[in-house]
Amino acid sequence: MSKVMLELSGITKGYNLGKPNEIRVLNGAHLTLKAGEVVALVAPSGAGKSTLLHIAGLLDTPDAGAVAIDGADMAGKADKIRTDIRRNGVGFIYQFHHLLPEFTAAENIILPQLANGVSQAMAEARALELLDNVGIKDRADHRPAALSGGEQQRVAFCRALANEPKVLLADEPTGNLDPKTSDQVFEALMALTRETGLSALIATHNLELAARMDRVLRLENGVLVPA
């Protein structure tokens, strides 16, 4: 039986709580993500996908419910512990790559490793290995402005995996790309997750891409249901 790497139990989140214009975004959402599983998260804009991902990645806290990463319940954990788990256990990818423009592709992947105490030599080796895995090792010395949109997003994938997280959370990772590039980048992402055995929760509007993942969940009225 595969180990559960991410579990959300009864997650509730609202805004303007107790006021007449209160908005309830999540209303008791449950999710179990097993080791090596890639799950698509689909929903209309504004339905709460990003909020769910932020809570899952410890960037936000729910009003009620529990988050567990690799079996560890995050409830009541000190900020330092949550930060350490977020830095080491969770990788994030967004619609826009957010690469540091003054650094090369390789340096963008090296820097988070150095911040995590990895040696320069080991960080460089891992950066080049990851870039090679997504087919752009020859672009390692190029700054983001010299890379195509698809190449920039591949670098962002590599950066998210630099510190070998257990869980990858992606918010519309191909949403800013044309269909052909989107497909190529998605294939690179899937190859990385399969090779590393990573668990991934990927929010997307692209139903065709969603269908190529292991499962599809839809966020409806604040809860997750099979699509």
C-alpha atoms as a PDB file:
ATOM      1  CA  MET A   1       0.000   0.000   0.000  1.00  0.00           C
ATOM      2  CA  SER A   2       1.393   3.395  -1.014  1.00  0.00           C
ATOM      3  CA  LYS A   3       2.250   5.826   1.730  1.00  0.00           C
ATOM      4  CA  VAL A   4       0.081   8.925   2.083  1.00  0.00           C
ATOM      5  CA  MET A   5       2.250  11.993   1.471  1.00  0.00           C
ATOM      6  CA  LEU A   6      -0.403  14.719   1.762  1.00  0.00           C
ATOM      7  CA  GLU A   7      -3.694  14.558   3.611  1.00  0.00           C
ATOM      8  CA  LEU A   8      -6.264  17.312   3.983  1.00  0.00           C
ATOM      9  CA  SER A   9      -9.102  16.622   6.388  1.00  0.00           C
ATOM     10  CA  GLY A  10     -12.207  18.788   6.663  1.00  0.00           C
ATOM     11  CA  ILE A  11     -10.514  21.935   5.367  1.00  0.00           C
ATOM     12  CA  THR A  12     -12.685  25.019   5.773  1.00  0.00           C
ATOM     13  CA  LYS A  13     -11.692  28.534   4.739  1.00  0.00           C
ATOM     14  CA  GLY A  14     -13.703  31.708   4.491  1.00  0.00           C
ATOM     15  CA  TYR A  15     -13.212  35.442   4.259  1.00  0.00           C
ATOM     16  CA  ASN A  16     -15.003  38.268   6.103  1.00  0.00           C
ATOM     17  CA  LEU A  17     -15.997  35.683   8.699  1.00  0.00           C
ATOM     18  CA  GLY A  18     -19.138  36.501  10.660  1.00  0.00           C
ATOM     19  CA  LYS A  19     -20.074  39.384   8.380  1.00  0.00           C
ATOM     20  CA  PRO A  20     -23.091  39.581   6.035  1.00  0.00           C
ATOM     21  CA  ASN A  21     -20.780  39.368   3.005  1.00  0.00           C
ATOM     22  CA  GLU A  22     -18.875  36.320   4.303  1.00  0.00           C
ATOM     23  CA  ILE A  23     -17.445  34.185   1.511  1.00  0.00           C
ATOM     24  CA  ARG A  24     -16.927  30.483   2.235  1.00  0.00           C
ATOM     25  CA  VAL A  25     -14.311  29.227  -0.239  1.00  0.00           C
ATOM     26  CA  LEU A  26     -13.638  25.774   1.203  1.00  0.00           C
ATOM     27  CA  ASN A  27     -16.302  23.901   3.105  1.00  0.00           C
ATOM     28  CA  GLY A  28     -14.904  20.690   4.532  1.00  0.00           C
ATOM     29  CA  ALA A  29     -12.571  19.616   1.722  1.00  0.00           C
ATOM     30  CA  HIS A  30     -10.859  16.232   2.010  1.00  0.00           C
ATOM     31  CA  LEU A  31      -7.882  14.982  -0.002  1.00  0.00           C
ATOM     32  CA  THR A  32      -5.471  12.053   0.171  1.00  0.00           C
ATOM     33  CA  LEU A  33      -2.388  12.107  -2.065  1.00  0.00           C
ATOM     34  CA  LYS A  34      -0.295   8.949  -2.121  1.00  0.00           C
ATOM     35  CA  ALA A  35       3.398   8.548  -2.866  1.00  0.00           C
ATOM     36  CA  GLY A  36       4.095   8.756  -6.592  1.00  0.00           C
ATOM     37  CA  GLU A  37       0.548   9.847  -7.415  1.00  0.00           C
ATOM     38  CA  VAL A  38      -0.182  12.752  -9.767  1.00  0.00           C
ATOM     39  CA  VAL A  39      -3.632  14.249  -9.217  1.00  0.00           C
ATOM     40  CA  ALA A  40      -5.337  16.964 -11.254  1.00  0.00           C
ATOM     41  CA  LEU A  41      -7.385  19.644  -9.510  1.00  0.00           C
ATOM     42  CA  VAL A  42      -9.968  21.322 -11.724  1.00  0.00           C
ATOM     43  CA  ALA A  43     -12.484  24.067 -11.000  1.00  0.00           C
ATOM     44  CA  PRO A  44     -13.651  27.387 -12.434  1.00  0.00           C
ATOM     45  CA  SER A  45     -11.672  30.521 -11.649  1.00  0.00           C
ATOM     46  CA  GLY A  46     -12.487  31.809  -8.192  1.00  0.00           C
ATOM     47  CA  ALA A  47     -13.635  28.436  -6.877  1.00  0.00           C
ATOM     48  CA  GLY A  48     -10.769  28.184  -4.396  1.00  0.00           C
ATOM     49  CA  LYS A  49      -8.072  26.107  -6.121  1.00  0.00           C
ATOM     50  CA  SER A  50      -5.270  28.499  -5.195  1.00  0.00           C
ATOM     51  CA  THR A  51      -6.547  28.770  -1.621  1.00  0.00           C
ATOM     52  CA  LEU A  52      -6.542  24.984  -1.319  1.00  0.00           C
ATOM     53  CA  LEU A  53      -2.989  24.758  -2.681  1.00  0.00           C
ATOM     54  CA  HIS A  54      -1.758  27.486  -0.332  1.00  0.00           C
ATOM     55  CA  ILE A  55      -3.223  25.655   2.655  1.00  0.00           C
ATOM     56  CA  ALA A  56      -1.786  22.328   1.473  1.00  0.00           C
ATOM     57  CA  GLY A  57       1.633  23.969   1.103  1.00  0.00           C
ATOM     58  CA  LEU A  58       1.508  25.674   4.528  1.00  0.00           C
ATOM     59  CA  LEU A  59       1.415  29.148   3.006  1.00  0.00           C
ATOM     60  CA  ASP A  60      -1.986  29.719   4.610  1.00  0.00           C
ATOM     61  CA  THR A  61      -3.915  28.212   7.491  1.00  0.00           C
ATOM     62  CA  PRO A  62      -7.480  26.871   7.381  1.00  0.00           C
ATOM     63  CA  ASP A  63     -10.265  28.091   9.637  1.00  0.00           C
ATOM     64  CA  ALA A  64     -10.897  24.444  10.499  1.00  0.00           C
ATOM     65  CA  GLY A  65      -9.531  21.070   9.490  1.00  0.00           C
ATOM     66  CA  ALA A  66      -6.113  19.437   9.434  1.00  0.00           C
ATOM     67  CA  VAL A  67      -3.112  19.220   7.093  1.00  0.00           C
ATOM     68  CA  ALA A  68      -0.642  16.340   7.303  1.00  0.00           C
ATOM     69  CA  ILE A  69       2.540  16.073   5.212  1.00  0.00           C
ATOM     70  CA  ASP A  70       4.353  12.750   5.102  1.00  0.00           C
ATOM     71  CA  GLY A  71       2.283  11.630   8.080  1.00  0.00           C
ATOM     72  CA  ALA A  72       3.104  14.653  10.255  1.00  0.00           C
ATOM     73  CA  ASP A  73       0.127  16.704  11.431  1.00  0.00           C
ATOM     74  CA  MET A  74       0.857  20.399  10.928  1.00  0.00           C
ATOM     75  CA  ALA A  75      -1.697  21.636  13.449  1.00  0.00           C
ATOM     76  CA  GLY A  76      -0.137  23.784  16.136  1.00  0.00           C
ATOM     77  CA  LYS A  77       3.377  23.489  14.745  1.00  0.00           C
ATOM     78  CA  ALA A  78       5.676  26.454  15.403  1.00  0.00           C
ATOM     79  CA  ASP A  79       6.350  28.815  12.508  1.00  0.00           C
ATOM     80  CA  LYS A  80       9.962  27.641  12.237  1.00  0.00           C
ATOM     81  CA  ILE A  81       8.911  24.013  11.909  1.00  0.00           C
ATOM     82  CA  ARG A  82       6.278  24.875   9.314  1.00  0.00           C
ATOM     83  CA  THR A  83       8.866  26.903   7.383  1.00  0.00           C
ATOM     84  CA  ASP A  84      11.372  24.050   7.471  1.00  0.00           C
ATOM     85  CA  ILE A  85       8.780  21.542   6.260  1.00  0.00           C
ATOM     86  CA  ARG A  86       7.618  23.924   3.531  1.00  0.00           C
ATOM     87  CA  ARG A  87      11.216  24.491   2.396  1.00  0.00           C
ATOM     88  CA  ASN A  88      12.240  20.823   2.437  1.00  0.00           C
ATOM     89  CA  GLY A  89       9.040  18.890   1.935  1.00  0.00           C
ATOM     90  CA  VAL A  90       7.024  20.919  -0.549  1.00  0.00           C
ATOM     91  CA  GLY A  91       7.804  22.256  -4.027  1.00  0.00           C
ATOM     92  CA  PHE A  92       5.740  25.010  -5.650  1.00  0.00           C
ATOM     93  CA  ILE A  93       5.165  25.857  -9.313  1.00  0.00           C
ATOM     94  CA  TYR A  94       3.026  28.776 -10.454  1.00  0.00           C
ATOM     95  CA  GLN A  95       1.543  29.950 -13.746  1.00  0.00           C
ATOM     96  CA  PHE A  96       4.309  32.543 -14.034  1.00  0.00           C
ATOM     97  CA  HIS A  97       7.826  31.261 -13.531  1.00  0.00           C
ATOM     98  CA  HIS A  98       9.071  33.971 -11.114  1.00  0.00           C
ATOM     99  CA  LEU A  99      12.700  33.261 -11.970  1.00  0.00           C
ATOM    100  CA  LEU A 100      15.333  35.707 -10.722  1.00  0.00           C
ATOM    101  CA  PRO A 101      16.239  37.646 -13.877  1.00  0.00           C
ATOM    102  CA  GLU A 102      19.825  38.471 -12.893  1.00  0.00           C
ATOM    103  CA  PHE A 103      20.783  34.816 -12.491  1.00  0.00           C
ATOM    104  CA  THR A 104      21.234  32.047 -15.039  1.00  0.00           C
ATOM    105  CA  ALA A 105      18.934  29.044 -15.350  1.00  0.00           C
ATOM    106  CA  ALA A 106      21.381  26.905 -13.376  1.00  0.00           C
ATOM    107  CA  GLU A 107      21.872  29.569 -10.704  1.00  0.00           C
ATOM    108  CA  ASN A 108      18.101  29.826 -10.193  1.00  0.00           C
ATOM    109  CA  ILE A 109      18.155  26.134  -9.287  1.00  0.00           C
ATOM    110  CA  ILE A 110      21.385  26.301  -7.287  1.00  0.00           C
ATOM    111  CA  LEU A 111      20.349  29.165  -4.987  1.00  0.00           C
ATOM    112  CA  PRO A 112      17.533  27.400  -3.081  1.00  0.00           C
ATOM    113  CA  GLN A 113      19.873  24.473  -2.486  1.00  0.00           C
ATOM    114  CA  LEU A 114      22.590  26.730  -1.062  1.00  0.00           C
ATOM    115  CA  ALA A 115      19.987  28.297   1.222  1.00  0.00           C
ATOM    116  CA  ASN A 116      19.242  24.784   2.432  1.00  0.00           C
ATOM    117  CA  GLY A 117      22.871  24.054   3.316  1.00  0.00           C
ATOM    118  CA  VAL A 118      23.865  22.048   0.233  1.00  0.00           C
ATOM    119  CA  SER A 119      27.443  22.485  -0.971  1.00  0.00           C
ATOM    120  CA  GLN A 120      28.137  24.517  -4.120  1.00  0.00           C
ATOM    121  CA  ALA A 121      29.449  21.473  -5.982  1.00  0.00           C
ATOM    122  CA  MET A 122      26.464  19.284  -5.124  1.00  0.00           C
ATOM    123  CA  ALA A 123      24.008  22.084  -5.927  1.00  0.00           C
ATOM    124  CA  GLU A 124      25.598  22.658  -9.326  1.00  0.00           C
ATOM    125  CA  ALA A 125      25.556  18.943 -10.123  1.00  0.00           C
ATOM    126  CA  ARG A 126      21.874  18.602  -9.208  1.00  0.00           C
ATOM    127  CA  ALA A 127      20.938  21.716 -11.190  1.00  0.00           C
ATOM    128  CA  LEU A 128      22.584  20.346 -14.332  1.00  0.00           C
ATOM    129  CA  GLU A 129      21.020  16.915 -13.777  1.00  0.00           C
ATOM    130  CA  LEU A 130      17.535  18.407 -13.490  1.00  0.00           C
ATOM    131  CA  LEU A 131      18.017  20.625 -16.529  1.00  0.00           C
ATOM    132  CA  ASP A 132      19.221  17.608 -18.463  1.00  0.00           C
ATOM    133  CA  ASN A 133      16.112  15.679 -17.421  1.00  0.00           C
ATOM    134  CA  VAL A 134      13.863  18.327 -18.985  1.00  0.00           C
ATOM    135  CA  GLY A 135      16.026  18.651 -22.095  1.00  0.00           C
ATOM    136  CA  ILE A 136      17.548  22.098 -21.625  1.00  0.00           C
ATOM    137  CA  LYS A 137      20.953  21.442 -20.068  1.00  0.00           C
ATOM    138  CA  ASP A 138      22.472  23.393 -22.957  1.00  0.00           C
ATOM    139  CA  ARG A 139      20.604  26.494 -21.718  1.00  0.00           C
ATOM    140  CA  ALA A 140      22.065  26.313 -18.200  1.00  0.00           C
ATOM    141  CA  ASP A 141      24.145  29.486 -18.615  1.00  0.00           C
ATOM    142  CA  HIS A 142      21.326  31.570 -20.108  1.00  0.00           C
ATOM    143  CA  ARG A 143      19.437  34.139 -18.084  1.00  0.00           C
ATOM    144  CA  PRO A 144      15.614  33.985 -18.136  1.00  0.00           C
ATOM    145  CA  ALA A 145      15.302  36.797 -20.704  1.00  0.00           C
ATOM    146  CA  ALA A 146      17.223  34.648 -23.194  1.00  0.00           C
ATOM    147  CA  LEU A 147      14.903  31.648 -22.694  1.00  0.00           C
ATOM    148  CA  SER A 148      11.555  30.910 -24.311  1.00  0.00           C
ATOM    149  CA  GLY A 149       8.422  30.766 -22.173  1.00  0.00           C
ATOM    150  CA  GLY A 150       8.483  26.983 -22.194  1.00  0.00           C
ATOM    151  CA  GLU A 151      12.152  26.906 -21.232  1.00  0.00           C
ATOM    152  CA  GLN A 152      11.558  29.354 -18.384  1.00  0.00           C
ATOM    153  CA  GLN A 153       8.786  27.180 -17.005  1.00  0.00           C
ATOM    154  CA  ARG A 154      10.980  24.078 -17.229  1.00  0.00           C
ATOM    155  CA  VAL A 155      13.599  25.895 -15.161  1.00  0.00           C
ATOM    156  CA  ALA A 156      10.855  26.734 -12.658  1.00  0.00           C
ATOM    157  CA  PHE A 157      10.001  23.029 -12.453  1.00  0.00           C
ATOM    158  CA  CYS A 158      13.629  22.187 -11.787  1.00  0.00           C
ATOM    159  CA  ARG A 159      13.862  24.872  -9.118  1.00  0.00           C
ATOM    160  CA  ALA A 160      10.759  23.453  -7.401  1.00  0.00           C
ATOM    161  CA  LEU A 161      12.423  20.033  -7.277  1.00  0.00           C
ATOM    162  CA  ALA A 162      15.888  21.297  -6.311  1.00  0.00           C
ATOM    163  CA  ASN A 163      15.595  20.370  -2.631  1.00  0.00           C
ATOM    164  CA  GLU A 164      13.964  17.000  -3.357  1.00  0.00           C
ATOM    165  CA  PRO A 165      10.520  17.711  -1.897  1.00  0.00           C
ATOM    166  CA  LYS A 166       8.046  14.947  -1.111  1.00  0.00           C
ATOM    167  CA  VAL A 167       5.049  16.856  -2.476  1.00  0.00           C
ATOM    168  CA  LEU A 168       4.771  19.102  -5.525  1.00  0.00           C
ATOM    169  CA  LEU A 169       1.967  21.681  -5.716  1.00  0.00           C
ATOM    170  CA  ALA A 170       1.399  23.345  -9.078  1.00  0.00           C
ATOM    171  CA  ASP A 171      -1.060  26.163  -9.809  1.00  0.00           C
ATOM    172  CA  GLU A 172      -1.864  26.337 -13.536  1.00  0.00           C
ATOM    173  CA  PRO A 173       1.761  25.505 -14.472  1.00  0.00           C
ATOM    174  CA  THR A 174       1.063  25.588 -18.224  1.00  0.00           C
ATOM    175  CA  GLY A 175      -1.658  28.242 -18.187  1.00  0.00           C
ATOM    176  CA  ASN A 176       0.567  30.963 -19.637  1.00  0.00           C
ATOM    177  CA  LEU A 177       1.802  28.889 -22.608  1.00  0.00           C
ATOM    178  CA  ASP A 178       0.509  28.196 -26.091  1.00  0.00           C
ATOM    179  CA  PRO A 179      -1.033  24.714 -26.628  1.00  0.00           C
ATOM    180  CA  LYS A 180       2.021  23.131 -28.267  1.00  0.00           C
ATOM    181  CA  THR A 181       4.445  24.461 -25.665  1.00  0.00           C
ATOM    182  CA  SER A 182       1.981  23.605 -22.909  1.00  0.00           C
ATOM    183  CA  ASP A 183       1.949  19.983 -24.028  1.00  0.00           C
ATOM    184  CA  GLN A 184       5.750  19.817 -24.195  1.00  0.00           C
ATOM    185  CA  VAL A 185       6.159  21.370 -20.757  1.00  0.00           C
ATOM    186  CA  PHE A 186       3.500  19.080 -19.287  1.00  0.00           C
ATOM    187  CA  GLU A 187       5.345  16.045 -20.652  1.00  0.00           C
ATOM    188  CA  ALA A 188       8.556  17.317 -19.048  1.00  0.00           C
ATOM    189  CA  LEU A 189       6.758  17.786 -15.733  1.00  0.00           C
ATOM    190  CA  MET A 190       5.245  14.300 -15.837  1.00  0.00           C
ATOM    191  CA  ALA A 191       8.625  12.785 -16.703  1.00  0.00           C
ATOM    192  CA  LEU A 192      10.203  14.500 -13.697  1.00  0.00           C
ATOM    193  CA  THR A 193       7.503  13.366 -11.300  1.00  0.00           C
ATOM    194  CA  ARG A 194       7.593   9.780 -12.578  1.00  0.00           C
ATOM    195  CA  GLU A 195      11.383   9.611 -12.401  1.00  0.00           C
ATOM    196  CA  THR A 196      11.555  10.935  -8.854  1.00  0.00           C
ATOM    197  CA  GLY A 197       8.450   9.187  -7.499  1.00  0.00           C
ATOM    198  CA  LEU A 198       7.142  12.578  -6.423  1.00  0.00           C
ATOM    199  CA  SER A 199       3.538  13.120  -5.334  1.00  0.00           C
ATOM    200  CA  ALA A 200       1.926  16.007  -7.196  1.00  0.00           C
ATOM    201  CA  LEU A 201      -1.303  18.001  -6.995  1.00  0.00           C
ATOM    202  CA  ILE A 202      -1.695  20.050 -10.164  1.00  0.00           C
ATOM    203  CA  ALA A 203      -4.412  22.669 -10.609  1.00  0.00           C
ATOM    204  CA  THR A 204      -5.318  23.186 -14.243  1.00  0.00           C
ATOM    205  CA  HIS A 205      -8.065  24.477 -16.535  1.00  0.00           C
ATOM    206  CA  ASN A 206      -6.839  22.138 -19.269  1.00  0.00           C
ATOM    207  CA  LEU A 207      -9.138  19.103 -19.107  1.00  0.00           C
ATOM    208  CA  GLU A 208      -7.107  17.253 -21.733  1.00  0.00           C
ATOM    209  CA  LEU A 209      -3.977  17.484 -19.595  1.00  0.00           C
ATOM    210  CA  ALA A 210      -5.976  16.647 -16.463  1.00  0.00           C
ATOM    211  CA  ALA A 211      -7.183  13.407 -18.063  1.00  0.00           C
ATOM    212  CA  ARG A 212      -3.568  12.267 -18.483  1.00  0.00           C
ATOM    213  CA  MET A 213      -2.943  12.301 -14.739  1.00  0.00           C
ATOM    214  CA  ASP A 214      -3.703   9.472 -12.310  1.00  0.00           C
ATOM    215  CA  ARG A 215      -6.906  11.009 -10.944  1.00  0.00           C
ATOM    216  CA  VAL A 216      -8.979  14.125 -11.465  1.00  0.00           C
ATOM    217  CA  LEU A 217     -10.669  15.954  -8.589  1.00  0.00           C
ATOM    218  CA  ARG A 218     -13.130  18.795  -9.040  1.00  0.00           C
ATOM    219  CA  LEU A 219     -13.636  21.525  -6.471  1.00  0.00           C
ATOM    220  CA  GLU A 220     -17.381  22.132  -6.192  1.00  0.00           C
ATOM    221  CA  ASN A 221     -19.082  24.220  -3.530  1.00  0.00           C
ATOM    222  CA  GLY A 222     -15.974  24.095  -1.390  1.00  0.00           C
ATOM    223  CA  VAL A 223     -15.507  20.313  -1.398  1.00  0.00           C
ATOM    224  CA  LEU A 224     -13.485  17.928  -3.582  1.00  0.00           C
ATOM    225  CA  VAL A 225     -15.322  15.341  -5.656  1.00  0.00           C
ATOM    226  CA  PRO A 226     -14.083  12.857  -8.302  1.00  0.00           C
ATOM    227  CA  ALA A 227     -14.407  14.300 -11.789  1.00  0.00           C
END
